[in-house]
N, C-alpha and C. Protein backbone atom coordinates (compact mmCIF):
# COMPACT_ATOMS: atom_id res chain seq x y z
N MET A 1 -3.30 1.84 -34.97
CA MET A 1 -2.04 1.22 -34.55
C MET A 1 -1.80 1.39 -32.97
N ARG A 2 -1.73 2.66 -32.61
CA ARG A 2 -1.33 3.06 -31.37
C ARG A 2 -2.30 2.37 -30.20
N ALA A 3 -3.56 2.48 -30.60
CA ALA A 3 -4.43 1.88 -29.74
C ALA A 3 -4.23 0.23 -29.38
N MET A 4 -3.66 -0.25 -30.58
CA MET A 4 -3.32 -1.79 -30.39
C MET A 4 -2.07 -1.90 -29.56
N LEU A 5 -1.17 -1.26 -29.70
CA LEU A 5 0.04 -1.21 -28.68
C LEU A 5 -0.30 -1.02 -27.33
N SER A 6 -1.24 -0.16 -27.22
CA SER A 6 -1.49 0.44 -25.82
C SER A 6 -2.21 -0.77 -25.12
N ALA A 7 -3.06 -1.62 -25.83
CA ALA A 7 -4.09 -2.59 -25.44
C ALA A 7 -3.06 -3.69 -25.34
N GLY A 8 -1.98 -3.79 -25.78
CA GLY A 8 -1.29 -5.01 -25.38
C GLY A 8 -1.42 -6.08 -26.37
N PHE A 9 -1.82 -5.81 -27.33
CA PHE A 9 -2.06 -6.79 -28.55
C PHE A 9 -0.72 -7.18 -29.15
N LEU A 10 0.26 -6.47 -29.47
CA LEU A 10 1.56 -6.62 -29.96
C LEU A 10 2.68 -6.95 -29.05
N ARG A 11 2.33 -6.82 -27.74
CA ARG A 11 3.33 -7.30 -26.66
C ARG A 11 3.72 -8.92 -26.60
N PRO A 12 4.83 -9.10 -26.50
CA PRO A 12 5.07 -10.57 -26.36
C PRO A 12 4.36 -11.30 -25.27
N GLN A 13 3.73 -12.49 -25.35
CA GLN A 13 3.12 -13.22 -24.17
C GLN A 13 4.13 -13.52 -23.26
N SER A 14 3.86 -13.53 -21.91
CA SER A 14 4.75 -14.04 -20.99
C SER A 14 3.97 -14.66 -19.92
N THR A 15 4.44 -15.56 -19.26
CA THR A 15 3.61 -16.31 -18.15
C THR A 15 4.17 -15.54 -16.99
N THR A 16 3.66 -15.52 -15.90
CA THR A 16 3.86 -15.10 -14.71
C THR A 16 5.17 -15.60 -13.98
N MET A 17 5.36 -16.91 -14.57
CA MET A 17 6.58 -17.61 -13.96
C MET A 17 7.99 -17.18 -14.80
N SER A 18 7.87 -16.82 -15.97
CA SER A 18 9.03 -16.52 -16.79
C SER A 18 9.74 -15.56 -16.41
N ARG A 19 9.74 -14.47 -15.90
CA ARG A 19 10.62 -13.68 -15.37
C ARG A 19 11.32 -14.06 -14.01
N PRO A 20 10.66 -14.33 -13.11
CA PRO A 20 11.52 -15.00 -11.88
C PRO A 20 12.49 -16.19 -12.17
N LEU A 21 12.22 -16.77 -13.21
CA LEU A 21 13.02 -17.91 -13.71
C LEU A 21 14.20 -17.53 -14.45
N LEU A 22 14.37 -16.39 -14.97
CA LEU A 22 15.51 -16.04 -15.89
C LEU A 22 16.62 -16.12 -15.11
N PRO A 23 16.97 -15.70 -13.85
CA PRO A 23 18.32 -15.95 -13.35
C PRO A 23 18.75 -17.43 -12.98
N LEU A 24 17.42 -17.84 -12.70
CA LEU A 24 17.64 -19.26 -12.29
C LEU A 24 18.19 -20.27 -13.59
N LYS A 25 17.68 -19.90 -14.59
CA LYS A 25 17.90 -20.55 -15.95
C LYS A 25 19.24 -20.22 -16.46
N ALA A 26 19.65 -18.78 -16.34
CA ALA A 26 21.11 -18.46 -16.58
C ALA A 26 22.19 -19.07 -15.79
N GLY A 27 21.48 -19.24 -14.41
CA GLY A 27 22.52 -20.01 -13.45
C GLY A 27 22.78 -21.32 -13.73
N ALA A 28 21.61 -21.91 -14.35
CA ALA A 28 21.82 -23.60 -14.56
C ALA A 28 22.75 -23.62 -15.86
N ILE A 29 22.34 -22.65 -16.91
CA ILE A 29 23.40 -22.80 -18.14
C ILE A 29 24.91 -22.39 -17.82
N ILE A 30 25.18 -21.60 -16.67
CA ILE A 30 26.62 -21.25 -16.52
C ILE A 30 27.09 -22.52 -15.83
N PHE A 31 26.08 -23.28 -14.79
CA PHE A 31 26.79 -24.37 -13.99
C PHE A 31 27.00 -25.44 -14.91
N THR A 32 26.02 -25.49 -15.96
CA THR A 32 26.47 -26.70 -16.95
C THR A 32 27.66 -26.68 -17.76
N VAL A 33 27.82 -25.24 -18.23
CA VAL A 33 29.10 -25.25 -18.92
C VAL A 33 30.32 -25.38 -18.01
N LEU A 34 30.38 -24.88 -16.83
CA LEU A 34 31.42 -25.01 -15.96
C LEU A 34 31.55 -26.42 -15.49
N TRP A 35 30.64 -27.23 -15.30
CA TRP A 35 30.64 -28.55 -15.07
C TRP A 35 31.47 -29.32 -15.98
N THR A 36 30.66 -29.17 -17.33
CA THR A 36 31.46 -29.76 -18.44
C THR A 36 32.68 -29.44 -18.70
N ALA A 37 33.27 -28.25 -18.65
CA ALA A 37 34.53 -27.86 -18.89
C ALA A 37 35.55 -28.60 -17.72
N TRP A 38 35.04 -28.50 -16.51
CA TRP A 38 35.96 -29.14 -15.55
C TRP A 38 35.90 -30.62 -15.77
N MET A 39 34.83 -31.27 -16.21
CA MET A 39 34.93 -32.75 -16.40
C MET A 39 36.02 -33.18 -17.36
N MET A 40 35.90 -32.23 -18.64
CA MET A 40 36.65 -32.42 -19.95
C MET A 40 38.15 -32.38 -19.42
N TRP A 41 38.54 -31.23 -18.59
CA TRP A 41 39.87 -30.92 -18.01
C TRP A 41 40.37 -32.00 -17.27
N TRP A 42 39.44 -32.45 -16.17
CA TRP A 42 39.78 -33.46 -15.27
C TRP A 42 39.94 -34.86 -15.91
N SER A 43 39.17 -35.25 -17.08
CA SER A 43 39.46 -36.56 -17.59
C SER A 43 40.70 -36.50 -18.22
N GLY A 44 41.05 -35.54 -19.13
CA GLY A 44 42.13 -35.65 -19.63
C GLY A 44 42.24 -35.95 -20.93
N SER A 45 41.11 -36.53 -21.57
CA SER A 45 40.65 -37.07 -22.97
C SER A 45 39.76 -36.08 -23.61
N PHE A 46 40.49 -35.94 -24.80
CA PHE A 46 39.73 -34.90 -25.68
C PHE A 46 39.46 -35.33 -27.04
N SER A 47 39.07 -36.77 -27.00
CA SER A 47 38.32 -37.58 -28.38
C SER A 47 37.04 -36.97 -28.30
N SER A 48 36.64 -37.29 -29.58
CA SER A 48 35.12 -36.65 -29.98
C SER A 48 34.20 -37.32 -29.09
N VAL A 49 34.26 -38.57 -28.88
CA VAL A 49 33.40 -39.61 -28.18
C VAL A 49 33.34 -39.05 -26.74
N SER A 50 34.55 -38.97 -26.03
CA SER A 50 34.48 -38.51 -24.98
C SER A 50 34.00 -37.16 -24.61
N LEU A 51 34.07 -36.21 -25.70
CA LEU A 51 33.37 -34.91 -25.55
C LEU A 51 31.85 -34.87 -25.74
N VAL A 52 31.49 -35.55 -26.59
CA VAL A 52 29.95 -35.93 -26.81
C VAL A 52 29.42 -36.60 -25.54
N ILE A 53 29.86 -37.73 -24.92
CA ILE A 53 29.38 -38.14 -23.65
C ILE A 53 29.31 -37.13 -22.49
N LEU A 54 30.62 -36.39 -22.25
CA LEU A 54 30.58 -35.44 -21.24
C LEU A 54 29.67 -34.25 -21.53
N ALA A 55 29.34 -33.87 -22.92
CA ALA A 55 28.27 -32.67 -23.21
C ALA A 55 26.97 -33.29 -22.69
N MET A 56 26.61 -34.62 -23.01
CA MET A 56 25.32 -35.24 -22.71
C MET A 56 25.29 -35.17 -21.15
N CYS A 57 26.29 -35.69 -20.50
CA CYS A 57 26.34 -35.75 -19.16
C CYS A 57 25.78 -34.29 -18.35
N GLY A 58 26.76 -33.36 -19.01
CA GLY A 58 26.65 -31.99 -18.39
C GLY A 58 25.36 -31.44 -18.70
N ALA A 59 24.47 -31.78 -19.86
CA ALA A 59 23.40 -31.08 -19.95
C ALA A 59 22.17 -31.91 -19.00
N ALA A 60 22.59 -33.29 -18.63
CA ALA A 60 21.63 -33.78 -17.78
C ALA A 60 21.91 -33.17 -16.33
N VAL A 61 22.90 -32.92 -15.94
CA VAL A 61 23.42 -32.64 -14.52
C VAL A 61 22.90 -31.06 -14.60
N GLY A 62 23.05 -30.40 -15.32
CA GLY A 62 22.44 -28.83 -15.42
C GLY A 62 20.94 -28.85 -15.28
N TYR A 63 20.14 -29.89 -16.05
CA TYR A 63 18.73 -29.91 -15.63
C TYR A 63 18.41 -30.28 -14.27
N VAL A 64 18.99 -31.31 -14.00
CA VAL A 64 18.91 -31.77 -12.43
C VAL A 64 19.02 -30.64 -11.45
N TRP A 65 20.36 -29.94 -11.50
CA TRP A 65 20.72 -28.91 -10.94
C TRP A 65 19.37 -27.75 -10.86
N TYR A 66 19.03 -27.35 -12.11
CA TYR A 66 17.80 -26.51 -12.20
C TYR A 66 16.64 -26.77 -11.52
N ARG A 67 16.11 -28.01 -11.90
CA ARG A 67 14.95 -28.60 -11.11
C ARG A 67 14.91 -28.62 -9.64
N ALA A 68 16.34 -28.94 -8.93
CA ALA A 68 16.50 -29.01 -7.73
C ALA A 68 16.56 -27.48 -7.20
N MET A 69 17.20 -26.84 -7.68
CA MET A 69 17.29 -25.00 -7.25
C MET A 69 15.80 -24.69 -7.34
N ARG A 70 15.00 -25.00 -8.21
CA ARG A 70 13.76 -24.35 -8.37
C ARG A 70 12.95 -24.83 -7.30
N TRP A 71 12.84 -26.35 -7.06
CA TRP A 71 11.95 -26.80 -5.93
C TRP A 71 12.61 -26.14 -4.87
N GLN A 72 13.82 -26.16 -4.30
CA GLN A 72 14.27 -25.31 -3.11
C GLN A 72 13.66 -23.94 -3.07
N PHE A 73 13.75 -23.00 -4.03
CA PHE A 73 13.39 -21.76 -4.09
C PHE A 73 11.90 -21.63 -3.96
N GLU A 74 11.10 -22.61 -4.65
CA GLU A 74 9.55 -22.65 -4.25
C GLU A 74 9.59 -23.05 -2.94
N ARG A 75 10.04 -23.87 -2.23
CA ARG A 75 9.93 -24.42 -0.97
C ARG A 75 10.15 -23.14 0.07
N MET A 76 11.15 -22.31 -0.40
CA MET A 76 11.47 -21.16 0.44
C MET A 76 10.58 -20.23 0.45
N GLY A 77 9.90 -20.25 -0.73
CA GLY A 77 9.04 -18.77 -0.87
C GLY A 77 9.74 -17.90 -1.62
N MET A 78 10.72 -18.12 -2.20
CA MET A 78 11.34 -17.22 -3.23
C MET A 78 10.85 -17.16 -4.56
N LEU A 79 10.19 -18.12 -5.06
CA LEU A 79 9.30 -18.21 -6.12
C LEU A 79 7.73 -18.59 -5.97
N PRO A 80 7.06 -18.11 -6.73
CA PRO A 80 5.63 -18.57 -6.70
C PRO A 80 5.38 -20.13 -6.82
N ARG A 81 4.71 -20.93 -6.08
CA ARG A 81 4.39 -22.38 -6.64
C ARG A 81 3.89 -22.52 -7.76
N SER A 82 4.23 -23.50 -8.49
CA SER A 82 3.76 -23.82 -9.89
C SER A 82 2.16 -24.41 -9.77
N ASP A 83 1.96 -24.77 -8.42
CA ASP A 83 0.55 -25.69 -8.36
C ASP A 83 -0.57 -24.69 -7.54
N ASP A 84 -0.34 -23.56 -7.55
CA ASP A 84 -1.12 -22.72 -6.58
C ASP A 84 -2.21 -21.85 -7.56
N GLY A 85 -2.28 -22.26 -8.81
CA GLY A 85 -3.06 -21.84 -9.75
C GLY A 85 -3.15 -20.36 -10.09
N SER A 86 -2.12 -19.77 -9.78
CA SER A 86 -1.81 -18.32 -10.23
C SER A 86 -1.24 -18.12 -11.47
N ALA A 87 -0.27 -19.13 -11.94
CA ALA A 87 0.35 -19.26 -12.87
C ALA A 87 -0.31 -19.44 -14.16
N ARG A 88 -1.94 -19.67 -14.09
CA ARG A 88 -2.62 -19.92 -15.26
C ARG A 88 -2.99 -18.84 -15.82
C-alpha cells in the first residue's frame, strides 16, 4: 500500500493548468456574486423573476470576466498558454 501511495497511484489527478487558475476562478466567483448583488440592489425589484434573470446575467458576466482575465494573463505571461502543448 505504501508503495502505491509513493508512486502516485492514489493521488488526485490534476492538470498543469488547474493550480495557477484557482485564484482566477475564485476571483471570478467573487466578481459574479458582487456584480449580481449590486444589480439586485440597484434595480430595487426583488421579485422572483427579477432575481432569476439577474442571477443568469451575473453568471454570464462572471464567465466573460473569467475568460477575459485568463486571456489577458496568458498574454502577459502570468499563466502558461493553453496552446503550447505543455498542458497535455
